[in-house]
C-alpha atoms as a PDB file:
ATOM      1  CA  UNK A   1      91.937  88.714  90.141  1.00  0.00           C
ATOM      2  CA  UNK A   2      90.203  86.338  92.498  1.00  0.00           C
ATOM      3  CA  UNK A   3      91.184  86.115  96.142  1.00  0.00           C
ATOM      4  CA  UNK A   4      94.932  85.556  96.189  1.00  0.00           C
ATOM      5  CA  UNK A   5      96.646  83.267  98.632  1.00  0.00           C
ATOM      6  CA  UNK A   6      99.475  84.820 100.629  1.00  0.00           C
ATOM      7  CA  UNK A   7     101.989  82.917  98.477  1.00  0.00           C
ATOM      8  CA  UNK A   8     100.408  84.177  95.235  1.00  0.00           C
ATOM      9  CA  UNK A   9     100.263  87.717  96.597  1.00  0.00           C
ATOM     10  CA  UNK A  10     103.983  87.512  97.410  1.00  0.00           C
ATOM     11  CA  UNK A  11     104.770  86.431  93.849  1.00  0.00           C
ATOM     12  CA  UNK A  12     102.664  89.278  92.456  1.00  0.00           C
ATOM     13  CA  UNK A  13     104.410  91.804  94.715  1.00  0.00           C
ATOM     14  CA  UNK A  14     107.824  90.457  93.724  1.00  0.00           C
ATOM     15  CA  UNK A  15     106.922  90.843  90.026  1.00  0.00           C
ATOM     16  CA  UNK A  16     105.777  94.425  90.668  1.00  0.00           C
ATOM     17  CA  UNK A  17     109.056  95.057  92.488  1.00  0.00           C
ATOM     18  CA  UNK A  18     111.039  93.877  89.453  1.00  0.00           C
ATOM     19  CA  UNK A  19     109.247  96.404  87.261  1.00  0.00           C
ATOM     20  CA  UNK A  20     109.591  99.184  89.842  1.00  0.00           C
ATOM     21  CA  UNK A  21     113.326  98.536  90.196  1.00  0.00           C
ATOM     22  CA  UNK A  22     113.777  98.616  86.435  1.00  0.00           C
ATOM     23  CA  UNK A  23     111.921 101.927  86.142  1.00  0.00           C
ATOM     24  CA  UNK A  24     113.897 103.568  88.911  1.00  0.00           C
ATOM     25  CA  UNK A  25     117.130 102.633  87.147  1.00  0.00           C
ATOM     26  CA  UNK A  26     118.137  99.760  89.433  1.00  0.00           C
ATOM     27  CA  UNK A  27     118.887  96.819  87.114  1.00  0.00           C
ATOM     28  CA  UNK A  28     120.832  95.011  89.852  1.00  0.00           C
ATOM     29  CA  UNK A  29     117.803  95.208  92.149  1.00  0.00           C
ATOM     30  CA  UNK A  30     115.542  93.950  89.363  1.00  0.00           C
ATOM     31  CA  UNK A  31     117.891  91.025  88.726  1.00  0.00           C
ATOM     32  CA  UNK A  32     118.048  90.250  92.444  1.00  0.00           C
ATOM     33  CA  UNK A  33     114.261  90.165  92.662  1.00  0.00           C
ATOM     34  CA  UNK A  34     114.020  87.995  89.534  1.00  0.00           C
ATOM     35  CA  UNK A  35     116.520  85.562  91.039  1.00  0.00           C
ATOM     36  CA  UNK A  36     114.483  85.414  94.262  1.00  0.00           C
ATOM     37  CA  UNK A  37     111.589  83.621  92.553  1.00  0.00           C
ATOM     38  CA  UNK A  38     111.738  79.988  93.662  1.00  0.00           C
ATOM     39  CA  UNK A  39     111.145  78.628  90.129  1.00  0.00           C
ATOM     40  CA  UNK A  40     110.344  79.599  86.554  1.00  0.00           C
ATOM     41  CA  UNK A  41     106.751  78.520  87.196  1.00  0.00           C
ATOM     42  CA  UNK A  42     106.527  80.861  90.211  1.00  0.00           C
ATOM     43  CA  UNK A  43     107.992  83.719  88.144  1.00  0.00           C
ATOM     44  CA  UNK A  44     105.467  83.095  85.371  1.00  0.00           C
ATOM     45  CA  UNK A  45     102.599  82.970  87.860  1.00  0.00           C
ATOM     46  CA  UNK A  46     103.732  86.205  89.542  1.00  0.00           C
ATOM     47  CA  UNK A  47     103.874  88.130  86.275  1.00  0.00           C
ATOM     48  CA  UNK A  48     100.578  86.585  85.102  1.00  0.00           C
ATOM     49  CA  UNK A  49      98.856  87.674  88.315  1.00  0.00           C
ATOM     50  CA  UNK A  50     100.354  91.154  88.013  1.00  0.00           C
ATOM     51  CA  UNK A  51      99.214  91.475  84.383  1.00  0.00           C
ATOM     52  CA  UNK A  52      95.722  90.251  85.289  1.00  0.00           C
ATOM     53  CA  UNK A  53      95.465  92.764  88.126  1.00  0.00           C
ATOM     54  CA  UNK A  54      96.766  95.676  86.070  1.00  0.00           C
ATOM     55  CA  UNK A  55      94.538  94.893  83.085  1.00  0.00           C
ATOM     56  CA  UNK A  56      91.566  94.692  85.443  1.00  0.00           C
ATOM     57  CA  UNK A  57      92.413  98.109  86.904  1.00  0.00           C
ATOM     58  CA  UNK A  58      92.830  99.674  83.461  1.00  0.00           C
ATOM     59  CA  UNK A  59      89.587  98.068  82.271  1.00  0.00           C
ATOM     60  CA  UNK A  60      87.716  99.502  85.231  1.00  0.00           C
ATOM     61  CA  UNK A  61      89.198 102.983  84.738  1.00  0.00           C
ATOM     62  CA  UNK A  62      88.665 103.005  80.961  1.00  0.00           C
ATOM     63  CA  UNK A  63      85.221 101.366  81.072  1.00  0.00           C
ATOM     64  CA  UNK A  64      86.290  99.087  78.192  1.00  0.00           C
ATOM     65  CA  UNK A  65      85.582  95.401  77.895  1.00  0.00           C
ATOM     66  CA  UNK A  66      88.581  93.163  78.533  1.00  0.00           C
ATOM     67  CA  UNK A  67      88.436  92.032  74.895  1.00  0.00           C
ATOM     68  CA  UNK A  68      88.612  95.643  73.658  1.00  0.00           C
ATOM     69  CA  UNK A  69      91.425  96.464  76.051  1.00  0.00           C
ATOM     70  CA  UNK A  70      93.479  93.428  75.032  1.00  0.00           C
ATOM     71  CA  UNK A  71      92.830  94.191  71.344  1.00  0.00           C
ATOM     72  CA  UNK A  72      94.069  97.770  71.857  1.00  0.00           C
ATOM     73  CA  UNK A  73      97.116  96.510  73.745  1.00  0.00           C
ATOM     74  CA  UNK A  74      97.889  93.996  70.988  1.00  0.00           C
ATOM     75  CA  UNK A  75      97.678  96.742  68.351  1.00  0.00           C
ATOM     76  CA  UNK A  76      99.976  98.953  70.426  1.00  0.00           C
ATOM     77  CA  UNK A  77     102.521  96.146  70.760  1.00  0.00           C
ATOM     78  CA  UNK A  78     102.336  95.402  67.034  1.00  0.00           C
ATOM     79  CA  UNK A  79     102.801  99.090  66.206  1.00  0.00           C
ATOM     80  CA  UNK A  80     105.812  99.508  68.458  1.00  0.00           C
ATOM     81  CA  UNK A  81     107.455  96.159  67.640  1.00  0.00           C
ATOM     82  CA  UNK A  82     110.860  96.771  66.184  1.00  0.00           C
ATOM     83  CA  UNK A  83     111.114 100.243  67.703  1.00  0.00           C
ATOM     84  CA  UNK A  84     114.028 100.718  70.083  1.00  0.00           C
ATOM     85  CA  UNK A  85     113.003 100.673  73.750  1.00  0.00           C
ATOM     86  CA  UNK A  86     112.546 104.030  75.421  1.00  0.00           C
ATOM     87  CA  UNK A  87     114.744 104.496  78.474  1.00  0.00           C
ATOM     88  CA  UNK A  88     113.670 107.002  81.119  1.00  0.00           C
END
C-alpha cells in the first residue's frame, strides 16, 4: 500500500475493526462499525485498502509473487465455495 492519507488509514482501521469484532463474536459491534462508514464507496475503499495491505504482508512472508498468491487464494475460494462457513 502506498502512503495512506489519514482519512484512508481511518477507513482501513475501521474495516479491520469489523473483521476483529466478527471474530471475537461481537456481531453487533461489527454492524456498528459497518454503519459508521460514511458511504458505500468509503466502505469499499476501506476493505480494498485492508485487502491490499494484508496481501502485501502475506506476499512478503511467503516470498511469493502477488500473482501466485492471488492464484492460490482464488483456488482456495473456489475449493471452499459452497461449504458452510466455519464459526469459531
